[in-house]
Protein backbone atom coordinates (compact mmCIF):
# COMPACT_ATOMS: atom_id res chain seq x y z
CA UNK A 1 160.23 101.87 103.24
CA UNK A 2 157.61 101.05 105.84
CA UNK A 3 156.33 103.96 107.92
CA UNK A 4 154.79 104.15 111.38
CA UNK A 5 151.09 104.92 111.08
CA UNK A 6 150.10 104.82 114.76
CA UNK A 7 151.79 104.07 118.06
CA UNK A 8 153.93 102.87 119.63
CA UNK A 9 151.87 101.97 122.68
CA UNK A 10 153.67 100.41 125.63
CA UNK A 11 151.19 97.88 126.98
CA UNK A 12 152.38 95.02 129.21
CA UNK A 13 155.45 95.43 131.43
CA UNK A 14 156.89 93.16 134.12
CA UNK A 15 160.42 92.75 135.49
CA UNK A 16 161.98 91.32 132.34
CA UNK A 17 159.43 91.52 129.49
CA UNK A 18 157.15 94.04 127.80
CA UNK A 19 154.90 94.33 124.76
CA UNK A 20 154.81 97.28 122.36
CA UNK A 21 151.89 97.77 119.93
CA UNK A 22 152.40 99.49 116.58
CA UNK A 23 150.55 100.06 113.31
CA UNK A 24 152.61 100.27 110.10
CA UNK A 25 151.52 101.43 106.66
CA UNK A 26 152.44 98.10 104.96
CA UNK A 27 153.43 94.52 105.81
CA UNK A 28 156.83 94.41 107.50
CA UNK A 29 158.78 93.29 110.54
CA UNK A 30 158.46 95.58 113.54
CA UNK A 31 161.46 95.67 115.88
CA UNK A 32 161.96 97.29 119.29
CA UNK A 33 165.55 98.00 120.29
CA UNK A 34 166.36 99.12 123.83
CA UNK A 35 169.38 101.11 124.89
CA UNK A 36 170.35 98.38 127.38
CA UNK A 37 170.44 95.68 124.69
CA UNK A 38 166.99 94.21 125.29
CA UNK A 39 164.57 94.00 122.40
CA UNK A 40 162.30 91.94 120.21
CA UNK A 41 160.64 91.72 116.82
CA UNK A 42 157.33 90.58 115.32
CA UNK A 43 155.84 90.33 111.86
CA UNK A 44 152.79 92.50 111.22
CA UNK A 45 149.35 90.94 110.83
CA UNK A 46 146.69 92.37 108.52
CA UNK A 47 143.11 93.37 109.33
CA UNK A 48 140.99 95.13 106.70
CA UNK A 49 143.99 96.56 104.88
CA UNK A 50 145.76 97.73 108.07
CA UNK A 51 149.00 96.27 109.41
CA UNK A 52 149.65 95.79 113.11
CA UNK A 53 152.25 94.17 115.34
CA UNK A 54 152.45 93.46 119.04
CA UNK A 55 156.17 93.22 119.66
CA UNK A 56 157.38 91.11 122.62
CA UNK A 57 160.39 92.73 124.29
CA UNK A 58 162.61 90.39 126.31
CA UNK A 59 165.87 90.64 128.22
CA UNK A 60 164.88 93.65 130.32
CA UNK A 61 166.50 94.10 133.72
CA UNK A 62 164.18 94.36 136.76
CA UNK A 63 164.13 97.71 138.51
CA UNK A 64 165.61 99.70 135.63
CA UNK A 65 164.58 102.18 132.95
CA UNK A 66 165.76 102.00 129.35
CA UNK A 67 165.02 104.10 126.29
CA UNK A 68 163.81 102.31 123.21
CA UNK A 69 163.31 102.88 119.51
CA UNK A 70 161.04 101.27 116.92
CA UNK A 71 162.28 100.11 113.52
CA UNK A 72 160.16 98.90 110.61
CA UNK A 73 161.15 96.87 107.58
CA UNK A 74 162.72 93.50 106.92
CA UNK A 75 166.19 94.99 107.34
CA UNK A 76 165.00 97.31 110.17
CA UNK A 77 167.54 99.82 108.90
CA UNK A 78 165.84 103.05 109.93
CA UNK A 79 164.28 104.03 113.23
CA UNK A 80 160.71 105.37 112.88
CA UNK A 81 160.36 106.19 116.58
CA UNK A 82 161.24 108.52 118.23
CA UNK A 83 159.97 110.91 115.58
CA UNK A 84 162.51 113.26 114.03
CA UNK A 85 162.77 116.59 115.91
CA UNK A 86 160.38 115.35 118.61
CA UNK A 87 159.97 117.85 121.46
CA UNK A 88 159.38 115.00 123.90
CA UNK A 89 161.93 113.00 125.90
CA UNK A 90 162.88 109.51 124.75
CA UNK A 91 160.20 106.86 125.28
CA UNK A 92 161.34 104.45 127.95
CA UNK A 93 160.38 101.14 129.52
CA UNK A 94 160.50 101.14 133.33
CA UNK A 95 160.54 97.67 134.86
CA UNK A 96 159.45 96.94 138.44
CA UNK A 97 161.93 95.53 140.92
CA UNK A 98 161.40 91.88 141.80
CA UNK A 99 162.47 91.85 145.43
CA UNK A 100 159.25 90.13 146.55
CA UNK A 101 159.46 91.94 149.89
CA UNK A 102 156.12 93.64 149.35
CA UNK A 103 157.49 97.14 149.88
CA UNK A 104 157.65 98.16 146.20
CA UNK A 105 155.59 101.25 145.37
CA UNK A 106 152.98 101.05 142.61
CA UNK A 107 151.19 104.09 141.18
CA UNK A 108 147.96 103.34 139.36
CA UNK A 109 146.35 106.27 137.51
CA UNK A 110 142.83 105.77 136.17
CA UNK A 111 139.88 107.48 134.55
CA UNK A 112 137.38 107.11 131.73
CA UNK A 113 135.41 108.95 129.07
CA UNK A 114 137.76 110.79 126.73
CA UNK A 115 136.67 112.68 123.67
CA UNK A 116 139.66 113.24 121.40
CA UNK A 117 141.17 116.63 122.14
CA UNK A 118 141.17 119.17 119.27
CA UNK A 119 144.53 120.03 117.68
CA UNK A 120 146.76 122.39 119.61
CA UNK A 121 145.70 126.00 119.24
CA UNK A 122 142.03 125.23 118.54
CA UNK A 123 139.33 126.11 121.07
CA UNK A 124 138.44 123.19 123.32
CA UNK A 125 134.74 123.43 124.27
CA UNK A 126 135.03 120.94 127.14
CA UNK A 127 138.19 122.29 128.76
CA UNK A 128 141.70 120.90 129.19
CA UNK A 129 142.31 117.21 128.50
CA UNK A 130 143.56 115.48 131.66
CA UNK A 131 145.67 112.97 129.69
CA UNK A 132 147.28 115.72 127.62
CA UNK A 133 148.02 117.64 130.80
CA UNK A 134 149.49 114.58 132.53
CA UNK A 135 151.73 113.97 129.52
CA UNK A 136 152.96 117.57 129.52
CA UNK A 137 153.77 117.38 133.24
CA UNK A 138 155.79 114.17 132.87
CA UNK A 139 157.56 115.38 129.73
CA UNK A 140 158.61 118.57 131.46
CA UNK A 141 160.31 116.58 134.22
CA UNK A 142 160.86 112.94 133.20
CA UNK A 143 162.54 112.12 136.52
CA UNK A 144 159.50 113.20 138.53
CA UNK A 145 156.66 111.04 139.80
CA UNK A 146 154.69 109.27 137.09
CA UNK A 147 152.21 106.38 136.90
CA UNK A 148 153.49 102.82 136.76
CA UNK A 149 150.32 101.88 134.89
CA UNK A 150 147.46 103.78 133.31
CA UNK A 151 143.98 102.20 133.53
CA UNK A 152 141.52 103.49 130.92
CA UNK A 153 138.10 102.39 132.12
CA UNK A 154 135.93 102.80 129.05
CA UNK A 155 134.89 105.17 126.28
CA UNK A 156 138.39 105.48 124.81
CA UNK A 157 136.68 106.48 121.56
CA UNK A 158 133.16 107.75 120.84
CA UNK A 159 131.71 105.88 117.88
CA UNK A 160 128.35 107.61 118.29
CA UNK A 161 129.44 111.18 119.09
CA UNK A 162 132.01 112.15 116.48
CA UNK A 163 133.87 115.45 116.24
CA UNK A 164 133.18 118.00 113.53
CA UNK A 165 136.53 117.14 111.93
CA UNK A 166 135.59 113.45 111.82
CA UNK A 167 132.18 114.29 110.41
CA UNK A 168 133.84 116.15 107.56
CA UNK A 169 136.03 113.11 106.93
CA UNK A 170 132.97 110.80 107.02
CA UNK A 171 131.09 113.06 104.61
CA UNK A 172 133.87 112.65 102.07
CA UNK A 173 133.34 108.85 102.22
CA UNK A 174 129.54 108.51 102.23
CA UNK A 175 126.17 110.23 102.47
CA UNK A 176 125.61 111.30 106.08
CA UNK A 177 121.87 111.67 105.53
CA UNK A 178 121.65 107.86 105.46
CA UNK A 179 121.95 105.83 108.69
CA UNK A 180 124.05 105.74 110.76
CA UNK A 181 124.63 109.36 109.78
CA UNK A 182 127.55 111.03 111.54
CA UNK A 183 128.29 107.95 113.62
CA UNK A 184 130.96 105.49 112.48
CA UNK A 185 129.77 102.69 110.21
CA UNK A 186 132.63 100.26 109.60
CA UNK A 187 136.14 99.16 110.54
CA UNK A 188 137.87 101.82 108.44
CA UNK A 189 135.93 104.55 110.22
CA UNK A 190 136.89 103.06 113.59
CA UNK A 191 140.55 103.28 112.58
CA UNK A 192 140.01 106.99 111.98
CA UNK A 193 138.69 107.40 115.55
CA UNK A 194 141.83 105.81 116.98
CA UNK A 195 144.00 107.95 114.73
CA UNK A 196 142.21 111.06 115.92
CA UNK A 197 142.58 110.09 119.57
CA UNK A 198 146.04 108.49 119.70
CA UNK A 199 147.88 110.73 117.22
CA UNK A 200 147.37 113.62 119.63
CA UNK A 201 151.11 114.38 120.22
CA UNK A 202 150.96 114.47 124.01
CA UNK A 203 148.81 111.36 124.32
CA UNK A 204 150.87 109.51 121.72
CA UNK A 205 154.04 110.12 123.72
CA UNK A 206 152.33 109.31 127.04
CA UNK A 207 151.05 105.97 125.76
CA UNK A 208 154.51 105.17 124.38
CA UNK A 209 156.16 105.49 127.79
CA UNK A 210 153.52 104.59 130.42
CA UNK A 211 152.07 101.04 130.31
CA UNK A 212 148.31 100.94 129.84
CA UNK A 213 145.41 98.57 130.44
CA UNK A 214 142.00 99.20 128.87
CA UNK A 215 138.41 98.02 128.83
CA UNK A 216 135.45 99.15 126.73
CA UNK A 217 132.20 100.80 127.72
CA UNK A 218 129.13 101.67 125.68
CA UNK A 219 130.37 104.62 123.61
CA UNK A 220 133.23 102.52 122.25
CA UNK A 221 130.35 100.92 120.33
CA UNK A 222 127.18 102.98 120.91
CA UNK A 223 125.32 104.63 123.78
CA UNK A 224 123.31 102.11 125.84
CA UNK A 225 125.06 99.15 124.20
CA UNK A 226 123.36 95.96 125.47
CA UNK A 227 121.07 97.82 127.84
CA UNK A 228 118.20 95.32 127.38
CA UNK A 229 116.94 92.44 125.26
CA UNK A 230 114.43 94.66 123.45
CA UNK A 231 117.16 97.21 122.70
CA UNK A 232 119.31 94.48 121.13
CA UNK A 233 116.37 93.18 119.07
CA UNK A 234 115.64 96.66 117.73
CA UNK A 235 119.28 97.31 116.86
CA UNK A 236 119.65 93.98 115.08
CA UNK A 237 116.65 94.87 112.92
CA UNK A 238 118.39 97.98 111.55
CA UNK A 239 120.36 97.48 108.31
CA UNK A 240 123.56 99.19 109.52
CA UNK A 241 123.93 97.62 112.98
CA UNK A 242 125.64 94.35 112.07
CA UNK A 243 128.57 96.09 110.39
CA UNK A 244 128.82 98.52 113.29
CA UNK A 245 128.92 95.90 116.05
CA UNK A 246 131.31 93.60 114.19
CA UNK A 247 133.62 96.52 113.39
CA UNK A 248 133.43 97.73 116.99
CA UNK A 249 134.43 94.35 118.42
CA UNK A 250 137.12 93.77 115.80
CA UNK A 251 138.72 97.17 116.33
CA UNK A 252 138.51 96.80 120.12
CA UNK A 253 140.35 93.46 119.92
CA UNK A 254 143.08 94.97 117.72
CA UNK A 255 143.56 98.38 119.34
CA UNK A 256 142.76 97.73 123.00
CA UNK A 257 142.23 94.13 124.10
CA UNK A 258 145.25 92.46 122.50
CA UNK A 259 147.68 94.62 124.45
CA UNK A 260 145.94 93.80 127.74
CA UNK A 261 147.17 90.20 127.58
CA UNK A 262 150.46 89.03 129.12
CA UNK A 263 152.94 87.39 126.73
CA UNK A 264 152.33 83.89 128.13
CA UNK A 265 148.60 84.21 127.46
CA UNK A 266 149.27 85.57 123.98
CA UNK A 267 151.43 82.54 123.25
CA UNK A 268 148.42 80.27 123.87
CA UNK A 269 145.72 82.50 122.35
CA UNK A 270 144.20 80.58 119.44
CA UNK A 271 142.60 83.63 117.83
CA UNK A 272 145.86 85.60 117.89
CA UNK A 273 147.72 82.63 116.42
CA UNK A 274 145.13 82.24 113.66
CA UNK A 275 145.19 85.93 112.75
CA UNK A 276 148.99 85.95 112.61
CA UNK A 277 149.16 82.72 110.60
CA UNK A 278 147.17 83.98 107.63
CA UNK A 279 148.17 86.70 105.14
CA UNK A 280 144.89 88.52 105.89
CA UNK A 281 143.24 87.89 109.24
CA UNK A 282 140.10 89.93 108.52
CA UNK A 283 137.75 86.99 107.96
CA UNK A 284 139.10 85.12 111.00
CA UNK A 285 138.60 88.12 113.28
CA UNK A 286 135.22 88.95 111.75
CA UNK A 287 133.95 85.41 112.41
CA UNK A 288 135.14 85.70 116.03
CA UNK A 289 133.35 89.04 116.44
CA UNK A 290 130.13 87.60 115.01
CA UNK A 291 130.25 84.70 117.46
CA UNK A 292 131.04 87.01 120.38
CA UNK A 293 128.09 89.25 119.52
CA UNK A 294 125.68 86.32 119.21
CA UNK A 295 126.77 84.56 122.42
CA UNK A 296 127.88 86.47 125.53
CA UNK A 297 129.83 83.42 126.72
CA UNK A 298 131.80 82.92 123.50
CA UNK A 299 134.51 85.49 124.28
CA UNK A 300 136.15 86.65 127.49
CA UNK A 301 137.06 90.32 127.51
CA UNK A 302 137.75 90.38 131.26
CA UNK A 303 141.33 89.79 132.36
CA UNK A 304 143.62 89.69 135.36
CA UNK A 305 146.98 91.38 135.98
CA UNK A 306 149.18 90.99 139.03
CA UNK A 307 151.60 93.82 139.81
CA UNK A 308 153.72 92.33 142.56
CA UNK A 309 151.36 92.13 145.53
CA UNK A 310 148.60 94.13 143.83
CA UNK A 311 145.95 92.22 141.89
CA UNK A 312 143.87 93.85 139.17
CA UNK A 313 140.70 92.25 137.85
CA UNK A 314 139.35 94.15 134.85
CA UNK A 315 135.72 93.13 134.41
CA UNK A 316 133.71 93.39 131.19
CA UNK A 317 130.32 94.90 132.08
CA UNK A 318 129.03 95.28 128.50
CA UNK A 319 129.46 92.21 126.32
CA UNK A 320 129.02 89.54 129.04
CA UNK A 321 125.47 90.55 130.03
CA UNK A 322 122.43 88.27 130.22
CA UNK A 323 119.49 90.38 129.04
CA UNK A 324 116.37 88.21 129.21
CA UNK A 325 114.12 90.08 131.67
CA UNK A 326 113.59 87.16 134.04
CA UNK A 327 117.30 86.28 134.05
CA UNK A 328 119.08 89.64 133.79
CA UNK A 329 122.68 89.57 134.97
CA UNK A 330 125.66 91.87 134.51
CA UNK A 331 127.82 88.78 133.86
CA UNK A 332 126.83 85.42 132.48
CA UNK A 333 127.40 82.40 134.72
CA UNK A 334 130.77 81.42 133.26
CA UNK A 335 132.10 84.99 133.41
CA UNK A 336 130.88 85.46 136.98
CA UNK A 337 132.56 82.22 138.04
CA UNK A 338 135.81 83.24 136.35
CA UNK A 339 135.79 86.60 138.17
CA UNK A 340 135.13 84.81 141.46
CA UNK A 341 137.96 82.34 140.91
CA UNK A 342 140.44 85.11 140.09
CA UNK A 343 139.44 87.23 143.07
CA UNK A 344 139.79 84.35 145.54
CA UNK A 345 142.83 82.58 144.04
CA UNK A 346 145.97 82.36 146.20
CA UNK A 347 144.76 84.21 149.31
CA UNK A 348 147.49 86.01 151.18
CA UNK A 349 149.58 86.63 148.06
CA UNK A 350 148.28 90.14 147.42
CA UNK A 351 147.88 93.20 149.64
CA UNK A 352 145.38 95.08 147.47
CA UNK A 353 142.60 93.88 145.20
CA UNK A 354 141.56 96.31 142.45
CA UNK A 355 138.34 95.54 140.56
CA UNK A 356 138.13 97.59 137.39
CA UNK A 357 134.58 97.93 136.10
CA UNK A 358 133.57 100.78 133.81
CA UNK A 359 130.21 101.05 135.58
CA UNK A 360 130.23 101.94 139.31
CA UNK A 361 129.15 99.37 141.86
CA UNK A 362 128.07 102.00 144.42
CA UNK A 363 126.09 104.96 143.06
CA UNK A 364 124.34 107.93 144.64
CA UNK A 365 121.48 106.43 146.66
CA UNK A 366 118.72 108.02 144.61
CA UNK A 367 120.15 106.58 141.38
CA UNK A 368 120.73 103.16 142.93
CA UNK A 369 117.13 102.92 144.10
CA UNK A 370 115.78 104.35 140.85
CA UNK A 371 117.65 101.67 138.89
CA UNK A 372 116.33 98.89 141.13
CA UNK A 373 112.80 100.30 140.81
CA UNK A 374 113.16 100.55 137.05
CA UNK A 375 114.44 96.96 136.80
CA UNK A 376 111.38 95.74 138.71
CA UNK A 377 109.04 97.69 136.43
CA UNK A 378 110.71 96.24 133.32
CA UNK A 379 110.27 92.74 134.76
CA UNK A 380 106.55 93.42 134.88
CA UNK A 381 106.18 93.75 138.66
CA UNK A 382 103.59 96.53 138.20
CA UNK A 383 102.02 95.29 134.98
CA UNK A 384 102.55 95.66 131.24
CA UNK A 385 101.89 99.38 131.06
CA UNK A 386 104.50 100.12 133.71
CA UNK A 387 106.90 97.70 131.97
CA UNK A 388 106.69 99.72 128.72
CA UNK A 389 107.21 102.92 130.68
CA UNK A 390 110.16 101.36 132.49
CA UNK A 391 111.90 100.26 129.28
CA UNK A 392 111.52 103.73 127.77
CA UNK A 393 112.88 105.33 130.95
CA UNK A 394 115.76 102.86 131.15
CA UNK A 395 117.00 103.87 127.71
CA UNK A 396 116.45 107.62 128.10
CA UNK A 397 118.09 107.79 131.52
CA UNK A 398 120.90 105.20 131.18
CA UNK A 399 119.58 103.11 134.07
CA UNK A 400 121.92 100.18 133.49
CA UNK A 401 124.61 100.09 136.17
CA UNK A 402 125.17 97.28 138.68
CA UNK A 403 122.09 98.48 140.58
CA UNK A 404 119.95 97.74 137.49
CA UNK A 405 120.99 94.09 137.81
CA UNK A 406 120.07 93.52 141.49
CA UNK A 407 121.18 89.88 141.69
CA UNK A 408 124.55 90.80 140.16
CA UNK A 409 124.92 93.72 142.56
CA UNK A 410 124.39 91.42 145.52
CA UNK A 411 126.73 88.78 144.05
CA UNK A 412 129.51 91.33 143.59
CA UNK A 413 128.91 92.62 147.13
CA UNK A 414 129.20 89.08 148.51
CA UNK A 415 132.36 88.41 146.49
CA UNK A 416 134.00 91.61 147.73
CA UNK A 417 133.17 90.67 151.32
CA UNK A 418 134.56 87.16 150.85
CA UNK A 419 137.74 88.33 149.12
CA UNK A 420 138.32 90.89 151.87
CA UNK A 421 137.85 88.53 154.80
CA UNK A 422 139.76 85.87 156.65
CA UNK A 423 143.43 85.01 157.07
CA UNK A 424 145.56 86.70 154.45
CA UNK A 425 142.87 89.25 153.56
CA UNK A 426 144.14 92.24 151.58
CA UNK A 427 144.39 95.64 153.19
CA UNK A 428 141.99 97.15 150.64
CA UNK A 429 139.47 96.09 148.04
CA UNK A 430 138.94 99.01 145.66
CA UNK A 431 136.35 99.09 142.89
CA UNK A 432 137.65 101.44 140.16
CA UNK A 433 135.01 102.90 137.84
CA UNK A 434 134.14 105.77 135.53
CA UNK A 435 131.14 106.47 133.25
CA UNK A 436 129.14 108.92 135.38
CA UNK A 437 131.03 112.15 134.58
CA UNK A 438 131.98 113.01 138.10
CA UNK A 439 134.39 111.67 140.69
CA UNK A 440 133.68 110.46 144.20
CA UNK A 441 134.70 108.04 146.93
CA UNK A 442 132.06 105.85 148.57
CA UNK A 443 132.53 103.41 151.42
CA UNK A 444 130.11 100.60 152.31
CA UNK A 445 129.21 99.28 155.70
CA UNK A 446 127.66 95.93 156.49
CA UNK A 447 124.70 95.33 158.85
CA UNK A 448 125.78 94.90 162.44
CA UNK A 449 129.32 95.88 161.54
CA UNK A 450 129.89 92.35 160.25
CA UNK A 451 131.92 93.41 157.25
CA UNK A 452 135.18 92.25 155.69
CA UNK A 453 138.58 92.77 157.28
CA UNK A 454 139.80 94.79 154.29
CA UNK A 455 138.81 98.40 153.80
CA UNK A 456 136.38 98.45 150.85
CA UNK A 457 136.02 101.53 148.64
CA UNK A 458 134.26 102.59 145.47
CA UNK A 459 136.60 104.94 143.60
CA UNK A 460 134.94 106.60 140.63
CA UNK A 461 136.70 109.00 138.26
CA UNK A 462 135.39 110.50 135.03
CA UNK A 463 135.62 112.19 132.65
CA UNK A 464 139.17 112.46 131.39
CA UNK A 465 137.98 114.85 128.67
CA UNK A 466 134.27 115.40 128.14
CA UNK A 467 131.41 117.78 128.82
CA UNK A 468 129.87 118.21 132.26
CA UNK A 469 126.46 119.87 131.78
CA UNK A 470 125.04 121.80 134.70
CA UNK A 471 122.11 119.38 134.82
CA UNK A 472 124.51 116.48 135.52
CA UNK A 473 126.21 118.41 138.31
CA UNK A 474 122.91 119.26 139.96
CA UNK A 475 121.47 115.78 139.44
CA UNK A 476 124.37 113.96 141.05
CA UNK A 477 124.61 116.39 143.94
CA UNK A 478 120.92 115.86 144.59
CA UNK A 479 121.35 112.09 144.20
CA UNK A 480 123.81 112.07 147.10
CA UNK A 481 121.65 114.29 149.31
CA UNK A 482 119.40 113.14 152.18
CA UNK A 483 116.35 114.33 150.28
CA UNK A 484 117.46 112.37 147.24
CA UNK A 485 117.94 109.28 149.37
CA UNK A 486 114.42 109.53 150.79
CA UNK A 487 113.02 109.96 147.29
CA UNK A 488 114.92 106.88 146.18
CA UNK A 489 113.33 104.80 148.93
CA UNK A 490 109.90 105.90 147.68
CA UNK A 491 110.76 104.58 144.24
CA UNK A 492 111.88 101.30 145.76
CA UNK A 493 108.67 100.91 147.80
CA UNK A 494 106.54 101.55 144.71
CA UNK A 495 108.01 98.48 143.02
CA UNK A 496 108.41 96.53 146.29
CA UNK A 497 112.19 96.45 145.87
CA UNK A 498 114.04 95.23 148.94
CA UNK A 499 116.93 97.25 150.31
CA UNK A 500 120.48 96.32 149.36
CA UNK A 501 122.32 94.06 151.76
CA UNK A 502 124.73 96.89 152.58
CA UNK A 503 124.59 100.61 153.10
CA UNK A 504 127.23 103.11 152.00
CA UNK A 505 128.20 106.73 152.39
CA UNK A 506 130.04 109.18 150.22
CA UNK A 507 133.39 109.98 151.85
CA UNK A 508 134.87 112.13 149.09
CA UNK A 509 133.51 114.40 146.37
CA UNK A 510 131.57 114.87 144.27
CA UNK A 511 134.22 116.49 142.08
CA UNK A 512 133.45 117.79 138.59
CA UNK A 513 135.92 118.50 135.82
CA UNK A 514 138.37 116.71 133.55
CA UNK A 515 140.28 114.58 136.01
CA UNK A 516 142.33 111.52 136.94
CA UNK A 517 142.70 109.54 140.15
CA UNK A 518 145.97 107.99 141.28
CA UNK A 519 146.31 105.17 143.79
CA UNK A 520 149.75 104.86 145.36
CA UNK A 521 150.23 101.45 146.92
CA UNK A 522 153.16 100.33 149.05
CA UNK A 523 153.00 97.23 151.21
CA UNK A 524 149.61 97.40 152.91
CA UNK A 525 149.34 101.18 152.70
CA UNK A 526 147.26 103.03 150.12
CA UNK A 527 146.94 106.71 149.26
CA UNK A 528 144.51 108.32 146.83
CA UNK A 529 144.94 111.58 144.93
CA UNK A 530 142.54 113.36 142.57
CA UNK A 531 144.08 115.68 139.98
CA UNK A 532 142.09 118.03 137.76
CA UNK A 533 143.18 119.66 134.52
CA UNK A 534 142.74 123.40 134.82
CA UNK A 535 143.51 126.39 132.64
CA UNK A 536 146.16 128.72 134.00
CA UNK A 537 145.62 132.46 133.97
CA UNK A 538 147.68 133.92 131.17
CA UNK A 539 147.62 130.72 129.12
CA UNK A 540 148.52 127.08 129.51
CA UNK A 541 147.05 124.26 131.59
CA UNK A 542 148.21 122.17 134.51
CA UNK A 543 147.13 119.34 136.77
CA UNK A 544 146.10 120.58 140.20
CA UNK A 545 145.49 118.29 143.16
CA UNK A 546 141.90 118.64 144.33
CA UNK A 547 142.08 116.03 147.07
CA UNK A 548 144.56 113.64 148.64
CA UNK A 549 143.86 111.12 151.38
CA UNK A 550 145.29 108.03 153.04
CA UNK A 551 143.13 104.93 152.61
CA UNK A 552 145.07 102.39 154.65
């Protein structure tokens, strides 16, 4: 009998359809049966000895909630989910109403950077896991408020910073004194990372009942992934890198990206069709990953989702980069044009535009100016010696956000202004980001007050579960300070870097801790809440609201 190895993950949901991702321990048919009679089935596909299915669920009723179960096997005789004796409520699919009146409420919870939490009862050196804590709160009162969608904005797994338990598992497979040491080396080791992260009981249940959208960041592959052309050249010269990057892209496509796609896009996806059509799709997917690694324009990891009158653009800021020093761009030309087309399509049909990008657009002023200065040095603006210094500093200090690609920063700024202006402009344009291990709200202003009609905000939230060294806290606080801003302008003058076309101010934060932000959108109104996972005196953890504000 087939068994459930990982999942289920509820991924796409609209008024009448959904997709549910599962991993089985052998080839089989995966079936989802809903209490209201809706359901669907799919045959598993095979990648590197693992068996996966993305099950399309049809026949759902808009504006309802139904429990579901997962069955595996050609006769689908036995339910494998919910688990026997599970302490959690039934997993359900909630569908949005389809009134079209624009007054439906949408809750979007987001964050990034999650180390897998240790098993229950073990000491957690980085504090309570915000996702675990969110799951426990919802499970305790299933009828209470919960997200309509969960956006995970990068670093869902850490391929380069493995836990002690994973290192013991790796040591049983191979010699850790040989590169890449205690980092993951191949597809099988990536599957272990996802097991470690998503078999966490609370997170497993949460992901089974709250739809999720995901995008990668560097640690999903390796720290500083694609930071510069010289970095890529050095990595490609190492004997272990090719297997690592191909395995990283393959596993990302299977575990994260595939579930981001709506059913109609899946139906026309040639790669998905090819993988499903062959008894073993490993070689097909591996060839795709090799092409995607060699050519930034060969694959599109960015995607768009519309939730009623809320539009989400999730933007790949890692694999789509142009890295030649004289041509550096966060997105290649085709990707940038696609993002522009999606942001500007059908004006007046959405009330809020959400741009998900793992790396923040607006940073503390000192860091923004330091990244622009560093980019100029690396281009050779101050000579070869400064260029070598700049490249070394770029890698050591992670100077690779939008500010490190000045032309891309200005292009994104112009696009946001255009999307937020004119007849039918949305009420808000919010850039949702993570990466920087603290949370904050920043708001831009345009010279002469000639800005867009929409309210524009940078909303940054991380980590979900990670360490926050004191040096990071002090550094970011200083980066937002007036003294830090003046120091940043000195950096910029040294490399003759012109000021950005906008200014901005921090209007919330900085907040430090394991945390999640939630946007609640209804019509043209928007509210923001920041919740932090905190230990409770006497034992236990809970989410506590650190800030709540109305945005529009």
